[in-house]
N, C-alpha and C. Protein backbone atom coordinates (compact mmCIF):
# COMPACT_ATOMS: atom_id res chain seq x y z
N UNK A 1 -5.16 -57.77 57.15
CA UNK A 1 -4.51 -59.28 57.18
C UNK A 1 -3.01 -59.19 56.19
N UNK A 2 -1.09 -59.07 56.38
CA UNK A 2 0.08 -59.01 55.56
C UNK A 2 -0.26 -60.75 55.62
N UNK A 3 0.14 -60.35 54.34
CA UNK A 3 1.16 -61.13 53.13
C UNK A 3 2.47 -61.41 53.69
N UNK A 4 3.45 -59.89 54.52
CA UNK A 4 4.69 -60.18 53.73
C UNK A 4 5.34 -61.00 54.66
N UNK A 5 6.51 -61.34 54.25
CA UNK A 5 7.35 -61.52 55.50
C UNK A 5 8.24 -60.40 55.96
N UNK A 6 8.55 -61.25 57.51
CA UNK A 6 8.60 -59.97 57.62
C UNK A 6 10.75 -59.46 57.93
N UNK A 7 11.04 -57.64 57.61
CA UNK A 7 12.04 -57.95 57.08
C UNK A 7 13.56 -57.63 58.05
N UNK A 8 14.14 -58.25 57.46
CA UNK A 8 15.22 -58.64 58.61
C UNK A 8 15.66 -57.52 59.24
N UNK A 9 15.66 -56.59 59.37
CA UNK A 9 15.87 -55.48 60.25
C UNK A 9 14.32 -55.87 61.66
N UNK A 10 13.92 -56.13 61.52
CA UNK A 10 12.81 -57.09 62.01
C UNK A 10 13.59 -57.90 63.54
N UNK A 11 14.09 -58.69 62.60
CA UNK A 11 14.74 -60.22 62.98
C UNK A 11 15.65 -59.97 64.12
N UNK A 12 16.34 -59.41 63.48
CA UNK A 12 17.98 -58.61 63.92
C UNK A 12 17.94 -57.78 65.33
N UNK A 13 16.83 -57.28 65.29
CA UNK A 13 16.55 -55.99 66.69
C UNK A 13 15.28 -56.77 67.07
N UNK A 14 14.93 -57.53 67.20
CA UNK A 14 13.74 -58.50 67.75
C UNK A 14 13.65 -58.16 69.13
N UNK A 15 13.06 -57.58 70.17
CA UNK A 15 12.46 -56.91 71.24
C UNK A 15 11.50 -56.83 72.23
N UNK A 16 10.35 -58.16 72.53
CA UNK A 16 9.71 -57.65 73.06
C UNK A 16 9.20 -57.62 74.20
N UNK A 17 8.54 -56.32 74.73
CA UNK A 17 9.00 -56.17 75.81
C UNK A 17 7.04 -56.30 76.25
N UNK A 18 6.73 -56.50 78.14
CA UNK A 18 5.51 -57.38 78.69
C UNK A 18 6.37 -55.69 79.69
N UNK A 19 5.34 -56.63 80.83
CA UNK A 19 5.69 -55.69 82.25
C UNK A 19 6.37 -56.24 83.01
N UNK A 20 6.27 -57.34 83.00
CA UNK A 20 7.47 -57.79 84.24
C UNK A 20 8.67 -59.30 83.36
N UNK A 21 8.19 -59.03 81.89
CA UNK A 21 8.97 -60.38 81.25
C UNK A 21 9.03 -59.45 79.58
N UNK A 22 10.51 -59.91 79.00
CA UNK A 22 10.70 -59.20 77.69
C UNK A 22 11.38 -60.56 77.19
N UNK A 23 11.32 -60.66 75.74
CA UNK A 23 11.05 -61.74 74.87
C UNK A 23 11.97 -61.10 73.69
N UNK A 24 13.58 -61.53 73.32
CA UNK A 24 14.08 -62.27 72.32
C UNK A 24 14.62 -62.57 72.43
N UNK A 25 15.62 -62.75 70.45
CA UNK A 25 16.16 -64.48 70.29
C UNK A 25 17.72 -64.10 71.05
N UNK A 26 17.85 -65.71 71.58
CA UNK A 26 18.83 -66.34 72.14
C UNK A 26 19.98 -65.77 71.31
N UNK A 27 21.34 -65.66 72.03
CA UNK A 27 22.65 -65.20 71.37
C UNK A 27 24.02 -65.94 72.02
N UNK A 28 25.35 -66.11 71.48
CA UNK A 28 26.25 -67.00 71.45
C UNK A 28 26.23 -67.10 73.22
N UNK A 29 26.35 -65.59 73.39
CA UNK A 29 26.44 -65.27 75.50
C UNK A 29 25.00 -65.59 76.19
N UNK A 30 24.38 -65.74 75.96
CA UNK A 30 22.83 -67.23 76.35
C UNK A 30 23.75 -68.02 77.03
N UNK A 31 24.46 -68.33 76.50
CA UNK A 31 24.62 -70.18 76.26
C UNK A 31 24.53 -70.91 77.66
N UNK A 32 25.81 -70.40 78.80
CA UNK A 32 26.17 -70.41 80.33
C UNK A 32 24.39 -70.57 81.48
N UNK A 33 23.91 -69.50 80.69
CA UNK A 33 22.62 -69.28 82.08
C UNK A 33 21.46 -70.16 81.13
N UNK A 34 21.62 -70.34 80.21
CA UNK A 34 20.68 -71.38 79.60
C UNK A 34 21.39 -72.26 79.98
N UNK A 35 21.92 -73.45 79.81
CA UNK A 35 22.12 -74.78 79.74
C UNK A 35 22.51 -75.27 81.66
N UNK A 36 22.61 -74.43 82.63
CA UNK A 36 22.60 -74.49 83.76
C UNK A 36 20.74 -74.21 83.78
N UNK A 37 20.34 -73.62 83.71
CA UNK A 37 19.10 -72.94 83.64
C UNK A 37 18.44 -75.02 83.94
N UNK A 38 18.39 -75.13 82.33
CA UNK A 38 18.32 -76.37 81.40
C UNK A 38 18.02 -77.57 82.02
N UNK A 39 19.39 -77.21 82.72
CA UNK A 39 20.41 -78.38 83.58
C UNK A 39 19.64 -78.42 85.43
N UNK A 40 19.80 -77.03 85.33
CA UNK A 40 18.34 -77.74 86.97
C UNK A 40 17.12 -77.60 87.08
N UNK A 41 16.35 -78.14 86.19
CA UNK A 41 14.92 -77.69 85.69
C UNK A 41 14.95 -78.56 85.12
N UNK A 42 15.99 -80.10 84.78
CA UNK A 42 16.01 -80.82 83.89
C UNK A 42 14.88 -82.03 84.25
N UNK A 43 14.60 -81.98 86.07
CA UNK A 43 13.83 -83.46 86.41
C UNK A 43 12.54 -82.45 86.06
N UNK A 44 11.84 -81.56 85.69
CA UNK A 44 11.00 -80.66 86.38
C UNK A 44 10.08 -80.40 84.71
N UNK A 45 10.67 -80.39 83.54
CA UNK A 45 10.63 -79.95 82.09
C UNK A 45 10.64 -81.74 81.81
N UNK A 46 11.18 -82.96 82.30
CA UNK A 46 11.08 -84.30 81.56
C UNK A 46 10.02 -85.01 80.89
N UNK A 47 8.67 -84.40 81.66
CA UNK A 47 7.17 -84.81 81.88
C UNK A 47 6.82 -84.13 80.87
N UNK A 48 7.06 -83.29 80.08
CA UNK A 48 6.48 -82.41 79.39
C UNK A 48 7.30 -82.15 77.10
N UNK A 49 9.00 -82.85 77.73
CA UNK A 49 9.53 -82.75 76.41
C UNK A 49 9.90 -84.14 76.15
N UNK A 50 10.27 -83.40 74.54
CA UNK A 50 10.40 -84.72 74.00
C UNK A 50 12.57 -85.38 74.60
N UNK A 51 12.87 -86.60 74.52
CA UNK A 51 14.05 -86.80 74.89
C UNK A 51 15.02 -86.22 74.57
N UNK A 52 16.20 -85.42 75.54
CA UNK A 52 16.58 -84.70 75.27
C UNK A 52 17.77 -85.16 75.16
N UNK A 53 18.77 -85.03 73.82
CA UNK A 53 19.78 -85.84 73.18
C UNK A 53 20.80 -85.76 74.33
N UNK A 54 21.90 -86.72 74.07
CA UNK A 54 23.08 -86.98 75.16
C UNK A 54 24.07 -85.27 75.23
N UNK A 55 24.06 -84.58 74.24
CA UNK A 55 24.92 -83.88 74.39
C UNK A 55 23.41 -82.37 74.15
N UNK A 56 22.97 -81.94 74.22
CA UNK A 56 21.69 -81.25 73.81
C UNK A 56 22.32 -80.72 74.66
N UNK A 57 22.76 -80.44 76.23
CA UNK A 57 23.27 -78.90 76.52
C UNK A 57 25.05 -78.58 76.60
N UNK A 58 25.28 -78.65 75.40
CA UNK A 58 27.01 -79.02 75.29
C UNK A 58 26.72 -77.72 74.69
N UNK A 59 28.31 -76.88 74.25
CA UNK A 59 28.63 -75.32 73.48
C UNK A 59 28.05 -75.81 72.30
N UNK A 60 28.95 -77.07 71.64
CA UNK A 60 28.38 -77.09 70.30
C UNK A 60 27.10 -76.96 70.02
N UNK A 61 26.18 -78.18 70.89
CA UNK A 61 24.81 -78.06 70.09
C UNK A 61 23.86 -77.22 69.83
N UNK A 62 24.85 -76.71 71.01
CA UNK A 62 23.57 -74.53 71.36
C UNK A 62 24.37 -74.15 69.66
N UNK A 63 25.79 -74.20 70.03
CA UNK A 63 25.55 -73.36 68.26
C UNK A 63 24.83 -73.82 67.46
N UNK A 64 24.71 -75.26 67.21
CA UNK A 64 24.32 -75.54 66.30
C UNK A 64 22.18 -75.41 66.28
N UNK A 65 21.57 -75.69 67.41
CA UNK A 65 20.43 -75.31 67.70
C UNK A 65 20.72 -73.13 67.77
N UNK A 66 21.38 -72.92 67.41
CA UNK A 66 20.99 -71.01 67.42
C UNK A 66 21.68 -70.70 65.84
N UNK A 67 22.21 -71.76 65.01
CA UNK A 67 22.30 -71.48 63.69
C UNK A 67 20.39 -72.19 62.84
N UNK A 68 20.27 -73.07 63.37
CA UNK A 68 19.16 -73.17 63.34
C UNK A 68 18.08 -72.15 63.28
N UNK A 69 18.37 -71.95 64.19
CA UNK A 69 16.91 -70.32 65.06
C UNK A 69 17.02 -69.52 63.74
N UNK A 70 18.54 -69.45 63.15
CA UNK A 70 18.74 -68.27 62.67
C UNK A 70 18.23 -68.32 60.95
N UNK A 71 18.64 -69.77 60.68
CA UNK A 71 18.02 -69.82 59.29
C UNK A 71 16.32 -70.34 59.42
N UNK A 72 15.38 -70.92 60.23
CA UNK A 72 13.92 -70.81 60.66
C UNK A 72 13.58 -68.84 60.40
N UNK A 73 14.66 -67.79 60.87
CA UNK A 73 14.27 -66.51 60.74
C UNK A 73 13.87 -66.17 60.11
N UNK A 74 15.10 -65.97 59.20
CA UNK A 74 15.67 -65.97 57.78
C UNK A 74 14.61 -66.54 56.85
N UNK A 75 13.80 -67.36 56.93
CA UNK A 75 13.68 -68.40 55.50
C UNK A 75 11.94 -67.43 56.69
N UNK A 76 11.43 -66.99 58.26
CA UNK A 76 9.96 -66.98 58.14
C UNK A 76 9.92 -67.85 58.46
N UNK A 77 9.97 -69.41 58.65
CA UNK A 77 9.27 -70.55 59.30
C UNK A 77 9.37 -70.69 60.52
N UNK A 78 10.23 -70.57 61.49
CA UNK A 78 9.86 -69.79 62.89
C UNK A 78 10.81 -68.79 63.38
N UNK A 79 9.71 -68.89 64.66
CA UNK A 79 10.62 -67.72 65.58
C UNK A 79 11.29 -68.47 67.06
N UNK A 80 12.75 -67.82 67.25
CA UNK A 80 12.78 -69.11 69.26
C UNK A 80 13.04 -67.16 69.02
N UNK A 81 12.57 -67.65 71.31
CA UNK A 81 12.88 -66.57 71.25
C UNK A 81 12.87 -67.09 72.81
N UNK A 82 14.30 -66.40 73.65
CA UNK A 82 14.40 -66.41 75.00
C UNK A 82 13.15 -65.52 75.74
N UNK A 83 12.60 -65.77 76.97
CA UNK A 83 12.14 -65.27 78.53
C UNK A 83 13.22 -64.24 78.69
N UNK A 84 13.36 -63.48 79.55
CA UNK A 84 13.91 -62.82 80.78
C UNK A 84 13.07 -61.80 81.51
N UNK A 85 12.77 -61.62 82.74
CA UNK A 85 12.63 -61.24 83.83
C UNK A 85 12.82 -59.75 84.04
N UNK A 86 11.87 -58.56 83.68
CA UNK A 86 12.44 -57.32 82.99
C UNK A 86 13.38 -56.73 84.85
N UNK A 87 12.67 -56.95 85.49
CA UNK A 87 13.87 -56.31 86.66
C UNK A 87 15.29 -57.09 87.73
N UNK A 88 15.58 -57.79 86.51
CA UNK A 88 16.80 -58.13 86.46
C UNK A 88 17.85 -58.71 85.90
N UNK A 89 17.23 -59.07 84.91
CA UNK A 89 17.48 -59.58 83.26
C UNK A 89 18.27 -61.27 83.83
N UNK A 90 17.06 -62.06 84.68
CA UNK A 90 17.57 -63.04 84.30
C UNK A 90 16.75 -64.45 83.12
N UNK A 91 16.96 -65.01 82.96
CA UNK A 91 16.64 -65.78 81.88
C UNK A 91 16.30 -66.36 82.67
N UNK A 92 14.80 -67.27 81.97
CA UNK A 92 14.19 -67.44 83.91
C UNK A 92 12.96 -69.00 82.31
N UNK A 93 13.31 -68.95 80.79
CA UNK A 93 12.23 -69.96 80.20
C UNK A 93 11.86 -69.09 78.49
N UNK A 94 12.50 -70.53 78.13
CA UNK A 94 11.87 -70.21 76.14
C UNK A 94 10.74 -70.44 75.71
N UNK A 95 10.42 -70.05 74.39
CA UNK A 95 9.47 -69.38 73.59
C UNK A 95 9.68 -69.98 72.46
N UNK A 96 8.52 -70.53 71.49
CA UNK A 96 8.82 -70.92 69.90
C UNK A 96 7.69 -70.53 69.42
N UNK A 97 7.78 -70.04 68.11
CA UNK A 97 6.69 -69.57 67.44
C UNK A 97 7.34 -70.68 65.54
N UNK A 98 6.80 -71.69 66.10
CA UNK A 98 6.80 -72.95 64.68
C UNK A 98 6.19 -73.18 63.73
N UNK A 99 6.81 -73.80 62.98
CA UNK A 99 5.83 -73.63 61.77
C UNK A 99 5.29 -72.94 61.45
N UNK A 100 5.80 -72.28 61.06
CA UNK A 100 5.15 -70.87 60.36
C UNK A 100 4.95 -71.25 58.56
N UNK A 101 3.03 -71.09 58.52
CA UNK A 101 2.39 -71.39 57.62
C UNK A 101 2.31 -70.24 56.18
N UNK A 102 2.45 -69.57 55.55
CA UNK A 102 1.80 -68.38 55.04
C UNK A 102 0.65 -68.75 53.92
N UNK A 103 0.61 -68.75 52.75
CA UNK A 103 -0.62 -68.62 51.86
C UNK A 103 -1.69 -68.18 52.11
N UNK A 104 -3.05 -69.55 52.24
CA UNK A 104 -3.49 -69.20 52.19
C UNK A 104 -4.12 -69.51 53.46
N UNK A 105 -3.58 -69.92 54.77
CA UNK A 105 -3.57 -70.10 56.08
C UNK A 105 -2.78 -69.87 56.82
N UNK A 106 -1.84 -68.40 56.99
CA UNK A 106 -1.35 -67.88 58.37
C UNK A 106 -1.27 -67.99 59.46
N UNK A 107 -0.47 -68.57 59.74
CA UNK A 107 -0.27 -70.07 61.14
C UNK A 107 0.99 -69.87 61.62
N UNK A 108 1.10 -70.68 62.72
CA UNK A 108 1.88 -70.69 63.72
C UNK A 108 1.64 -71.80 64.64
N UNK A 109 2.34 -72.76 65.22
CA UNK A 109 2.27 -73.63 66.41
C UNK A 109 3.47 -72.68 67.10
N UNK A 110 2.75 -72.00 68.60
CA UNK A 110 2.86 -72.18 70.28
C UNK A 110 3.77 -73.48 70.67
N UNK A 111 5.14 -73.08 70.98
CA UNK A 111 5.37 -74.26 72.97
C UNK A 111 6.49 -72.99 73.33
N UNK A 112 6.81 -73.50 74.80
CA UNK A 112 7.21 -73.24 75.79
C UNK A 112 7.30 -73.67 77.11
N UNK A 113 8.69 -73.07 77.51
CA UNK A 113 9.42 -73.97 78.69
C UNK A 113 9.61 -72.77 79.51
N UNK A 114 9.08 -73.17 81.09
CA UNK A 114 9.93 -71.84 81.90
C UNK A 114 10.73 -72.95 82.83
N UNK A 115 12.16 -72.75 83.21
CA UNK A 115 12.78 -73.29 84.13
C UNK A 115 12.33 -73.04 85.88
N UNK A 116 12.73 -73.59 86.38
CA UNK A 116 11.10 -74.68 87.61
C UNK A 116 11.40 -73.09 88.92
N UNK A 117 12.60 -72.67 88.09
CA UNK A 117 12.93 -71.75 89.94
C UNK A 117 11.90 -70.60 89.39
N UNK A 118 11.61 -70.47 88.17
CA UNK A 118 10.35 -69.39 87.90
C UNK A 118 8.97 -69.50 87.87
N UNK A 119 8.43 -70.92 87.81
CA UNK A 119 7.76 -71.66 87.75
C UNK A 119 6.41 -71.64 89.08
N UNK A 120 5.33 -71.68 88.19
CA UNK A 120 4.04 -70.99 89.10
C UNK A 120 3.82 -69.48 89.81
N UNK A 121 5.08 -68.80 88.74
CA UNK A 121 4.22 -66.98 88.91
C UNK A 121 4.51 -65.45 87.79
N UNK A 122 3.17 -66.47 87.23
CA UNK A 122 2.34 -65.49 86.61
C UNK A 122 3.74 -65.07 85.22
N UNK A 123 4.93 -65.57 85.76
CA UNK A 123 5.62 -65.41 84.20
C UNK A 123 5.10 -65.46 83.44
N UNK A 124 5.01 -67.02 82.35
CA UNK A 124 4.91 -67.97 81.38
C UNK A 124 3.34 -67.30 80.68
N UNK A 125 2.33 -66.79 81.82
CA UNK A 125 1.25 -67.21 81.25
C UNK A 125 1.19 -65.04 80.95
N UNK A 126 1.94 -64.25 81.39
CA UNK A 126 2.84 -62.91 80.42
C UNK A 126 3.06 -63.36 79.84
N UNK A 127 4.09 -63.96 79.18
CA UNK A 127 5.14 -64.33 78.30
C UNK A 127 4.05 -64.36 77.16
N UNK A 128 3.12 -65.26 77.60
CA UNK A 128 2.59 -65.69 76.37
C UNK A 128 1.33 -64.54 76.05
N UNK A 129 0.60 -63.74 76.55
CA UNK A 129 -0.06 -63.35 76.33
C UNK A 129 0.76 -61.80 75.66
N UNK A 130 2.02 -61.66 75.70
CA UNK A 130 3.09 -60.56 75.77
C UNK A 130 3.42 -60.69 74.07
N UNK A 131 3.25 -62.09 74.03
CA UNK A 131 4.39 -62.38 72.08
C UNK A 131 2.86 -63.18 71.27
N UNK A 132 1.44 -62.74 71.67
CA UNK A 132 0.09 -62.58 70.88
C UNK A 132 0.36 -61.07 70.23
N UNK A 133 0.30 -60.37 70.02
CA UNK A 133 0.65 -58.84 69.38
C UNK A 133 1.56 -59.20 67.86
N UNK A 134 2.10 -59.74 68.72
CA UNK A 134 3.55 -59.10 67.77
C UNK A 134 3.56 -60.70 66.28
N UNK A 135 2.50 -61.96 66.43
CA UNK A 135 1.99 -63.05 65.91
C UNK A 135 0.61 -62.70 65.14
N UNK A 136 0.10 -61.81 65.79
CA UNK A 136 -0.37 -60.92 64.14
C UNK A 136 -0.28 -59.34 63.56
N UNK A 137 0.64 -58.35 64.22
CA UNK A 137 0.27 -57.62 64.42
C UNK A 137 1.95 -57.29 63.49
N UNK A 138 2.65 -57.90 63.54
CA UNK A 138 3.95 -57.54 63.00
C UNK A 138 3.83 -58.65 62.13
N UNK A 139 4.23 -60.64 62.66
CA UNK A 139 4.25 -61.06 61.59
C UNK A 139 3.44 -61.27 60.55
N UNK A 140 1.93 -60.13 60.69
CA UNK A 140 0.38 -61.07 59.86
C UNK A 140 0.01 -62.26 60.21
N UNK A 141 0.20 -63.01 61.42
CA UNK A 141 -0.62 -63.91 60.66
C UNK A 141 -2.00 -64.53 61.22
N UNK A 142 -2.67 -65.41 61.22
CA UNK A 142 -3.97 -65.33 61.02
C UNK A 142 -4.98 -66.53 62.47
N UNK A 143 -3.84 -66.73 63.51
CA UNK A 143 -3.99 -67.74 63.67
C UNK A 143 -2.81 -69.18 64.19
N UNK A 144 -3.20 -68.73 65.53
CA UNK A 144 -1.86 -69.19 66.56
C UNK A 144 -2.60 -70.26 67.31
N UNK A 145 -1.65 -71.10 67.20
CA UNK A 145 -1.79 -73.03 67.71
C UNK A 145 -1.01 -73.21 68.91
N UNK A 146 -1.83 -73.83 69.72
CA UNK A 146 -0.46 -74.84 70.86
C UNK A 146 -1.49 -75.93 70.31
N UNK A 147 -0.83 -76.89 72.00
CA UNK A 147 -1.15 -78.02 71.92
C UNK A 147 -0.32 -78.75 73.95
N UNK A 148 -0.67 -79.38 74.57
CA UNK A 148 -1.09 -79.88 75.05
C UNK A 148 -0.49 -81.38 75.74
N UNK A 149 -0.58 -81.87 76.45
CA UNK A 149 -0.88 -83.06 77.32
C UNK A 149 -2.27 -82.93 78.28
N UNK A 150 -3.22 -83.99 77.86
CA UNK A 150 -4.65 -83.09 79.04
C UNK A 150 -4.63 -83.24 80.17
N UNK A 151 -2.96 -83.49 80.89
CA UNK A 151 -2.91 -83.54 82.35
C UNK A 151 -1.44 -82.59 82.63
N UNK A 152 -1.74 -81.60 81.79
CA UNK A 152 -0.45 -80.41 82.09
C UNK A 152 -1.32 -79.76 82.51
N UNK A 153 -2.13 -78.81 83.67
CA UNK A 153 -3.15 -77.81 84.18
C UNK A 153 -2.59 -77.15 83.84
N UNK A 154 -1.02 -76.33 84.82
CA UNK A 154 0.15 -75.07 84.10
C UNK A 154 -0.27 -75.30 83.01
N UNK A 155 -0.56 -75.73 82.01
CA UNK A 155 -0.28 -75.24 80.53
C UNK A 155 -1.60 -75.12 79.92
N UNK A 156 -2.45 -75.45 80.73
CA UNK A 156 -3.70 -75.44 79.93
C UNK A 156 -3.89 -74.65 80.55
N UNK A 157 -3.33 -73.64 81.87
CA UNK A 157 -4.46 -72.62 82.52
C UNK A 157 -3.45 -71.00 81.34
N UNK A 158 -2.11 -71.87 81.20
CA UNK A 158 -1.03 -70.17 80.45
C UNK A 158 -2.39 -70.05 78.92
N UNK A 159 -2.35 -71.53 78.49
CA UNK A 159 -3.30 -70.63 77.08
C UNK A 159 -4.67 -70.04 77.03
N UNK A 160 -5.62 -70.36 78.78
CA UNK A 160 -6.97 -69.97 78.38
C UNK A 160 -6.73 -67.93 78.63
N UNK A 161 -5.56 -68.76 80.13
CA UNK A 161 -5.35 -67.06 80.05
C UNK A 161 -5.15 -65.69 78.71
N UNK A 162 -3.83 -66.66 78.37
CA UNK A 162 -4.11 -65.75 77.45
C UNK A 162 -4.76 -65.97 75.25
N UNK A 163 -6.42 -66.82 75.44
CA UNK A 163 -7.10 -66.16 75.26
C UNK A 163 -7.26 -67.38 74.09
N UNK A 164 -6.62 -68.56 74.14
CA UNK A 164 -7.12 -69.57 73.42
C UNK A 164 -8.00 -70.69 73.44
N UNK A 165 -8.50 -70.69 72.90
CA UNK A 165 -9.48 -71.60 72.32
C UNK A 165 -9.37 -73.59 72.33
N UNK A 166 -9.99 -74.11 73.11
CA UNK A 166 -9.74 -75.55 73.05
C UNK A 166 -10.75 -75.81 71.80
N UNK A 167 -9.92 -76.83 70.82
CA UNK A 167 -10.46 -78.03 70.02
C UNK A 167 -10.83 -78.92 69.55
N UNK A 168 -10.21 -79.62 70.26
CA UNK A 168 -10.17 -80.91 70.48
C UNK A 168 -9.45 -81.48 70.84
N UNK A 169 -8.86 -82.77 70.53
CA UNK A 169 -8.20 -84.53 70.85
C UNK A 169 -7.57 -84.67 69.84
N UNK A 170 -5.76 -84.11 70.00
CA UNK A 170 -5.07 -84.94 68.64
C UNK A 170 -4.57 -86.60 69.16
N UNK A 171 -5.04 -87.86 68.44
CA UNK A 171 -4.61 -88.88 69.49
C UNK A 171 -2.67 -88.70 69.14
N UNK A 172 -1.39 -89.24 69.71
CA UNK A 172 -0.61 -89.30 69.95
C UNK A 172 -0.31 -88.65 68.78
N UNK A 173 -0.24 -87.78 69.05
CA UNK A 173 0.17 -86.59 68.18
C UNK A 173 1.26 -85.85 68.44
N UNK A 174 2.41 -86.03 69.67
CA UNK A 174 2.97 -85.86 69.87
C UNK A 174 4.37 -86.43 70.37
N UNK A 175 5.05 -87.55 70.77
CA UNK A 175 6.83 -88.18 71.36
C UNK A 175 6.24 -87.39 72.64
N UNK A 176 6.16 -87.36 73.19
CA UNK A 176 6.58 -86.67 75.12
C UNK A 176 7.36 -87.68 75.81
N UNK A 177 9.32 -87.02 76.44
CA UNK A 177 9.20 -88.49 76.28
C UNK A 177 9.90 -89.81 76.51
N UNK A 178 9.61 -89.61 75.16
CA UNK A 178 9.85 -91.13 75.15
C UNK A 178 8.53 -91.67 74.60
N UNK A 179 7.50 -91.08 74.78
CA UNK A 179 5.67 -91.57 74.54
C UNK A 179 5.21 -91.13 73.45
N UNK A 180 4.71 -91.89 72.38
CA UNK A 180 3.42 -91.07 72.12
C UNK A 180 2.27 -90.62 72.94
N UNK A 181 1.74 -89.46 72.92
CA UNK A 181 0.75 -89.26 74.24
C UNK A 181 0.27 -88.21 73.33
N UNK A 182 -1.77 -88.23 73.40
CA UNK A 182 -2.59 -87.44 73.66
C UNK A 182 -2.36 -86.14 73.33
N UNK A 183 -2.94 -85.39 72.45
CA UNK A 183 -3.13 -83.63 73.17
C UNK A 183 -3.77 -83.09 72.99
N UNK A 184 -3.78 -82.35 74.13
CA UNK A 184 -4.98 -81.68 73.38
C UNK A 184 -4.86 -79.77 72.76
N UNK A 185 -5.58 -79.55 71.19
CA UNK A 185 -5.36 -78.95 70.81
C UNK A 185 -6.16 -77.53 71.33
N UNK A 186 -5.11 -76.95 71.16
CA UNK A 186 -5.62 -75.23 71.57
C UNK A 186 -5.75 -73.88 69.54
N UNK A 187 -6.47 -72.97 70.25
CA UNK A 187 -5.73 -71.61 69.04
C UNK A 187 -7.05 -70.40 69.57
N UNK A 188 -5.77 -69.01 69.52
CA UNK A 188 -6.23 -68.04 69.03
C UNK A 188 -5.89 -67.33 68.01
N UNK A 189 -7.43 -67.26 67.14
CA UNK A 189 -7.83 -66.43 66.44
C UNK A 189 -6.83 -64.85 66.24
N UNK A 190 -7.13 -64.48 65.45
CA UNK A 190 -6.79 -62.41 64.99
C UNK A 190 -7.92 -62.02 65.82
N UNK A 191 -9.13 -62.43 65.26
CA UNK A 191 -10.60 -62.07 65.08
C UNK A 191 -11.14 -61.66 66.85
N UNK A 192 -10.36 -63.30 67.96
CA UNK A 192 -10.63 -63.52 69.81
C UNK A 192 -10.18 -62.38 69.97
N UNK A 193 -9.22 -61.58 69.92
CA UNK A 193 -8.91 -60.61 70.62
C UNK A 193 -9.39 -59.82 71.14
N UNK A 194 -10.19 -59.10 70.42
CA UNK A 194 -11.59 -57.89 70.69
C UNK A 194 -12.17 -58.65 72.03
N UNK A 195 -13.07 -59.49 71.64
CA UNK A 195 -13.71 -60.09 72.58
C UNK A 195 -12.88 -61.30 74.29
N UNK A 196 -11.45 -60.97 73.79
CA UNK A 196 -10.48 -62.84 74.37
C UNK A 196 -9.44 -61.94 75.37
N UNK A 197 -8.97 -60.58 76.05
CA UNK A 197 -8.21 -59.88 76.15
C UNK A 197 -7.83 -59.36 77.68
N UNK A 198 -8.24 -60.78 78.76
CA UNK A 198 -7.64 -59.95 80.29
C UNK A 198 -6.95 -59.44 80.06
N UNK A 199 -7.22 -58.73 81.30
CA UNK A 199 -5.57 -58.00 81.83
C UNK A 199 -4.72 -58.57 82.99
N UNK A 200 -3.31 -57.80 82.65
CA UNK A 200 -2.61 -58.75 82.63
C UNK A 200 -2.21 -58.62 85.48
């Protein structure tokens, strides 16, 4: 297991390739497509996310978001990625590797969202599977965690497809859509991969 932080060149040139999707950090030129996708998917995403700030989709807020993402990558505390469809380069969703913990823990937390127009087509399942080798091989982590509300069946299916195992219930774990909600806790260990790697 590597205890070293990723190099600057890794974060600057980061691109994670899958079969139908690829992931890379967001950039300034993604703003219009990102804002349009989020706005079109607002009602679809609202039940599963924290309340959006009033200016969440504004260009200044997006710039602040990029600055925060860049700082987190430099400090090796988080990695924000956009998900693109490979055949037409369309932005279809996003994924975060947050709360990176080093030392004796070597873990991080996976989060994700998908634009409504692209949901139910297997893209998020592939994106989750695609990011796993990056977490274990490039970042050198030992454990990847995720959480979802108990009634979010699509999200549970994504995690199980990627090989995550359910570990228990965390009461009132996150404030989602303005309400503290229970979450099911999932985790995937580096050692799980050999035994739990379904075909795409």
